[in-house]
């Protein structure tokens, strides 16, 4: 089972960009499905974007056209490129790795704050 850790959060301006990284330790990263979730204060955790081991991507309607998920299996890393940031993107963002047995591994989260 892999372990994952997020990086790249911080303060972004409305209309600006941030890129999150999720680096995995362990073997067989390439066969895990990877996802980015977020949780805003007082709200449930929600799926933002996901990428399968085969490269198929899924996005929440709220981020379509603004966010891009990708992965570099050689670097054991998944990315979330966030463009055209909005204040409602403010949340703690979590990386998720899902195995072929549907076992989930979560990172500790990284705070993203969008404010001028």
C-alpha atoms as a PDB file:
ATOM      1  CA  UNK A   1       0.000   0.000   0.000  1.00  0.00           C
ATOM      2  CA  UNK A   2       1.338   3.426  -0.915  1.00  0.00           C
ATOM      3  CA  UNK A   3       1.598   6.420   1.383  1.00  0.00           C
ATOM      4  CA  UNK A   4       0.781   9.838  -0.074  1.00  0.00           C
ATOM      5  CA  UNK A   5       1.681  13.404   0.841  1.00  0.00           C
ATOM      6  CA  UNK A   6       0.350  16.657  -0.596  1.00  0.00           C
ATOM      7  CA  UNK A   7       2.267  19.854  -1.264  1.00  0.00           C
ATOM      8  CA  UNK A   8       1.749  23.127  -3.071  1.00  0.00           C
ATOM      9  CA  UNK A   9      -1.136  24.681  -1.195  1.00  0.00           C
ATOM     10  CA  UNK A  10      -1.202  28.218   0.054  1.00  0.00           C
ATOM     11  CA  UNK A  11      -2.704  31.570  -0.801  1.00  0.00           C
ATOM     12  CA  UNK A  12      -3.960  32.218  -4.299  1.00  0.00           C
ATOM     13  CA  UNK A  13      -5.613  35.274  -5.753  1.00  0.00           C
ATOM     14  CA  UNK A  14      -8.989  35.230  -7.482  1.00  0.00           C
ATOM     15  CA  UNK A  15      -8.325  34.488 -11.122  1.00  0.00           C
ATOM     16  CA  UNK A  16      -4.888  33.142 -10.295  1.00  0.00           C
ATOM     17  CA  UNK A  17      -3.347  29.689 -10.338  1.00  0.00           C
ATOM     18  CA  UNK A  18      -1.909  27.127  -7.972  1.00  0.00           C
ATOM     19  CA  UNK A  19      -0.561  23.634  -8.539  1.00  0.00           C
ATOM     20  CA  UNK A  20      -0.880  20.871  -5.999  1.00  0.00           C
ATOM     21  CA  UNK A  21       1.333  17.808  -5.973  1.00  0.00           C
ATOM     22  CA  UNK A  22       0.712  14.417  -4.437  1.00  0.00           C
ATOM     23  CA  UNK A  23       3.815  12.287  -4.064  1.00  0.00           C
ATOM     24  CA  UNK A  24       3.491   8.608  -3.262  1.00  0.00           C
ATOM     25  CA  UNK A  25       5.940   6.313  -1.596  1.00  0.00           C
ATOM     26  CA  UNK A  26       5.768   2.593  -2.122  1.00  0.00           C
ATOM     27  CA  UNK A  27       5.540   0.344  -5.097  1.00  0.00           C
ATOM     28  CA  UNK A  28       3.144   0.074  -7.991  1.00  0.00           C
ATOM     29  CA  UNK A  29       1.996   3.723  -8.030  1.00  0.00           C
ATOM     30  CA  UNK A  30       1.061   3.364 -11.693  1.00  0.00           C
ATOM     31  CA  UNK A  31      -1.782   0.943 -10.975  1.00  0.00           C
ATOM     32  CA  UNK A  32      -3.490   3.123  -8.376  1.00  0.00           C
ATOM     33  CA  UNK A  33      -6.378   5.399  -9.233  1.00  0.00           C
ATOM     34  CA  UNK A  34      -5.611   8.876  -7.888  1.00  0.00           C
ATOM     35  CA  UNK A  35      -8.025  11.547  -6.760  1.00  0.00           C
ATOM     36  CA  UNK A  36      -8.145  15.028  -5.302  1.00  0.00           C
ATOM     37  CA  UNK A  37     -10.862  15.848  -2.795  1.00  0.00           C
ATOM     38  CA  UNK A  38     -11.575  19.004  -0.860  1.00  0.00           C
ATOM     39  CA  UNK A  39     -13.387  19.970   2.296  1.00  0.00           C
ATOM     40  CA  UNK A  40     -14.481  23.493   3.101  1.00  0.00           C
ATOM     41  CA  UNK A  41     -15.434  24.546   6.639  1.00  0.00           C
ATOM     42  CA  UNK A  42     -18.863  23.196   7.556  1.00  0.00           C
ATOM     43  CA  UNK A  43     -19.134  21.141   4.374  1.00  0.00           C
ATOM     44  CA  UNK A  44     -18.652  17.513   3.456  1.00  0.00           C
ATOM     45  CA  UNK A  45     -15.573  16.305   1.658  1.00  0.00           C
ATOM     46  CA  UNK A  46     -16.176  16.264  -2.087  1.00  0.00           C
ATOM     47  CA  UNK A  47     -14.439  14.837  -5.118  1.00  0.00           C
ATOM     48  CA  UNK A  48     -12.680  17.497  -7.187  1.00  0.00           C
ATOM     49  CA  UNK A  49     -10.929  15.396  -9.826  1.00  0.00           C
ATOM     50  CA  UNK A  50      -9.745  11.856 -10.379  1.00  0.00           C
ATOM     51  CA  UNK A  51      -7.447  10.058 -12.787  1.00  0.00           C
ATOM     52  CA  UNK A  52      -7.486   6.323 -13.287  1.00  0.00           C
ATOM     53  CA  UNK A  53      -4.461   4.116 -13.693  1.00  0.00           C
ATOM     54  CA  UNK A  54      -5.230   4.191 -17.407  1.00  0.00           C
ATOM     55  CA  UNK A  55      -5.351   7.985 -17.534  1.00  0.00           C
ATOM     56  CA  UNK A  56      -9.116   8.522 -17.675  1.00  0.00           C
ATOM     57  CA  UNK A  57     -10.088  11.747 -15.899  1.00  0.00           C
ATOM     58  CA  UNK A  58     -13.191  12.862 -14.035  1.00  0.00           C
ATOM     59  CA  UNK A  59     -14.023  16.352 -12.763  1.00  0.00           C
ATOM     60  CA  UNK A  60     -16.602  17.942 -10.527  1.00  0.00           C
ATOM     61  CA  UNK A  61     -18.848  20.288 -12.491  1.00  0.00           C
ATOM     62  CA  UNK A  62     -17.659  23.207 -10.373  1.00  0.00           C
ATOM     63  CA  UNK A  63     -14.065  22.878 -11.597  1.00  0.00           C
ATOM     64  CA  UNK A  64     -14.498  21.701 -15.193  1.00  0.00           C
ATOM     65  CA  UNK A  65     -12.525  23.868 -17.558  1.00  0.00           C
ATOM     66  CA  UNK A  66     -10.496  25.386 -14.713  1.00  0.00           C
ATOM     67  CA  UNK A  67      -8.696  22.469 -13.033  1.00  0.00           C
ATOM     68  CA  UNK A  68      -6.587  19.747 -14.643  1.00  0.00           C
ATOM     69  CA  UNK A  69      -5.511  16.512 -12.997  1.00  0.00           C
ATOM     70  CA  UNK A  70      -2.501  14.635 -14.304  1.00  0.00           C
ATOM     71  CA  UNK A  71       0.015  12.039 -13.191  1.00  0.00           C
ATOM     72  CA  UNK A  72       3.654  11.249 -13.803  1.00  0.00           C
ATOM     73  CA  UNK A  73       4.165   7.595 -12.978  1.00  0.00           C
ATOM     74  CA  UNK A  74       7.945   7.890 -13.343  1.00  0.00           C
ATOM     75  CA  UNK A  75       7.910  10.401 -10.469  1.00  0.00           C
ATOM     76  CA  UNK A  76       5.189   8.666  -8.411  1.00  0.00           C
ATOM     77  CA  UNK A  77       3.327  11.972  -8.436  1.00  0.00           C
ATOM     78  CA  UNK A  78      -0.151  13.219  -9.254  1.00  0.00           C
ATOM     79  CA  UNK A  79      -0.880  16.890  -9.863  1.00  0.00           C
ATOM     80  CA  UNK A  80      -3.823  19.235  -9.700  1.00  0.00           C
ATOM     81  CA  UNK A  81      -3.375  22.390 -11.770  1.00  0.00           C
ATOM     82  CA  UNK A  82      -5.882  24.968 -10.589  1.00  0.00           C
ATOM     83  CA  UNK A  83      -6.528  27.986 -12.805  1.00  0.00           C
ATOM     84  CA  UNK A  84      -9.060  30.805 -12.656  1.00  0.00           C
ATOM     85  CA  UNK A  85      -9.307  30.378  -8.915  1.00  0.00           C
ATOM     86  CA  UNK A  86     -12.459  31.474  -7.126  1.00  0.00           C
ATOM     87  CA  UNK A  87     -13.088  32.202  -3.467  1.00  0.00           C
ATOM     88  CA  UNK A  88     -15.303  29.113  -3.315  1.00  0.00           C
ATOM     89  CA  UNK A  89     -12.247  26.972  -4.103  1.00  0.00           C
ATOM     90  CA  UNK A  90     -10.993  27.721  -0.597  1.00  0.00           C
ATOM     91  CA  UNK A  91     -10.733  24.401   1.244  1.00  0.00           C
ATOM     92  CA  UNK A  92      -8.379  21.758   2.535  1.00  0.00           C
ATOM     93  CA  UNK A  93      -7.390  19.594  -0.410  1.00  0.00           C
ATOM     94  CA  UNK A  94      -6.709  15.898   0.102  1.00  0.00           C
ATOM     95  CA  UNK A  95      -4.968  13.401  -2.122  1.00  0.00           C
ATOM     96  CA  UNK A  96      -6.429   9.919  -2.358  1.00  0.00           C
ATOM     97  CA  UNK A  97      -4.898   6.736  -3.719  1.00  0.00           C
ATOM     98  CA  UNK A  98      -7.268   3.846  -4.395  1.00  0.00           C
ATOM     99  CA  UNK A  99      -5.926   0.346  -4.920  1.00  0.00           C
ATOM    100  CA  UNK A 100      -7.250  -2.389  -7.177  1.00  0.00           C
ATOM    101  CA  UNK A 101      -8.933  -3.792  -4.016  1.00  0.00           C
ATOM    102  CA  UNK A 102     -10.709  -0.431  -3.461  1.00  0.00           C
ATOM    103  CA  UNK A 103      -8.580   0.352  -0.417  1.00  0.00           C
ATOM    104  CA  UNK A 104      -8.165   4.106   0.121  1.00  0.00           C
ATOM    105  CA  UNK A 105      -5.083   5.902   1.357  1.00  0.00           C
ATOM    106  CA  UNK A 106      -5.375   9.585   2.253  1.00  0.00           C
ATOM    107  CA  UNK A 107      -2.860  12.341   2.685  1.00  0.00           C
ATOM    108  CA  UNK A 108      -3.017  14.792   5.564  1.00  0.00           C
ATOM    109  CA  UNK A 109      -4.303  17.594   3.378  1.00  0.00           C
ATOM    110  CA  UNK A 110      -3.060  20.979   2.245  1.00  0.00           C
ATOM    111  CA  UNK A 111      -4.843  24.272   2.760  1.00  0.00           C
ATOM    112  CA  UNK A 112      -5.785  26.344  -0.283  1.00  0.00           C
ATOM    113  CA  UNK A 113      -7.069  29.850   0.394  1.00  0.00           C
ATOM    114  CA  UNK A 114      -8.281  32.076  -2.420  1.00  0.00           C
ATOM    115  CA  UNK A 115      -8.410  35.699  -1.391  1.00  0.00           C
ATOM    116  CA  UNK A 116      -7.300  39.105  -2.565  1.00  0.00           C
END
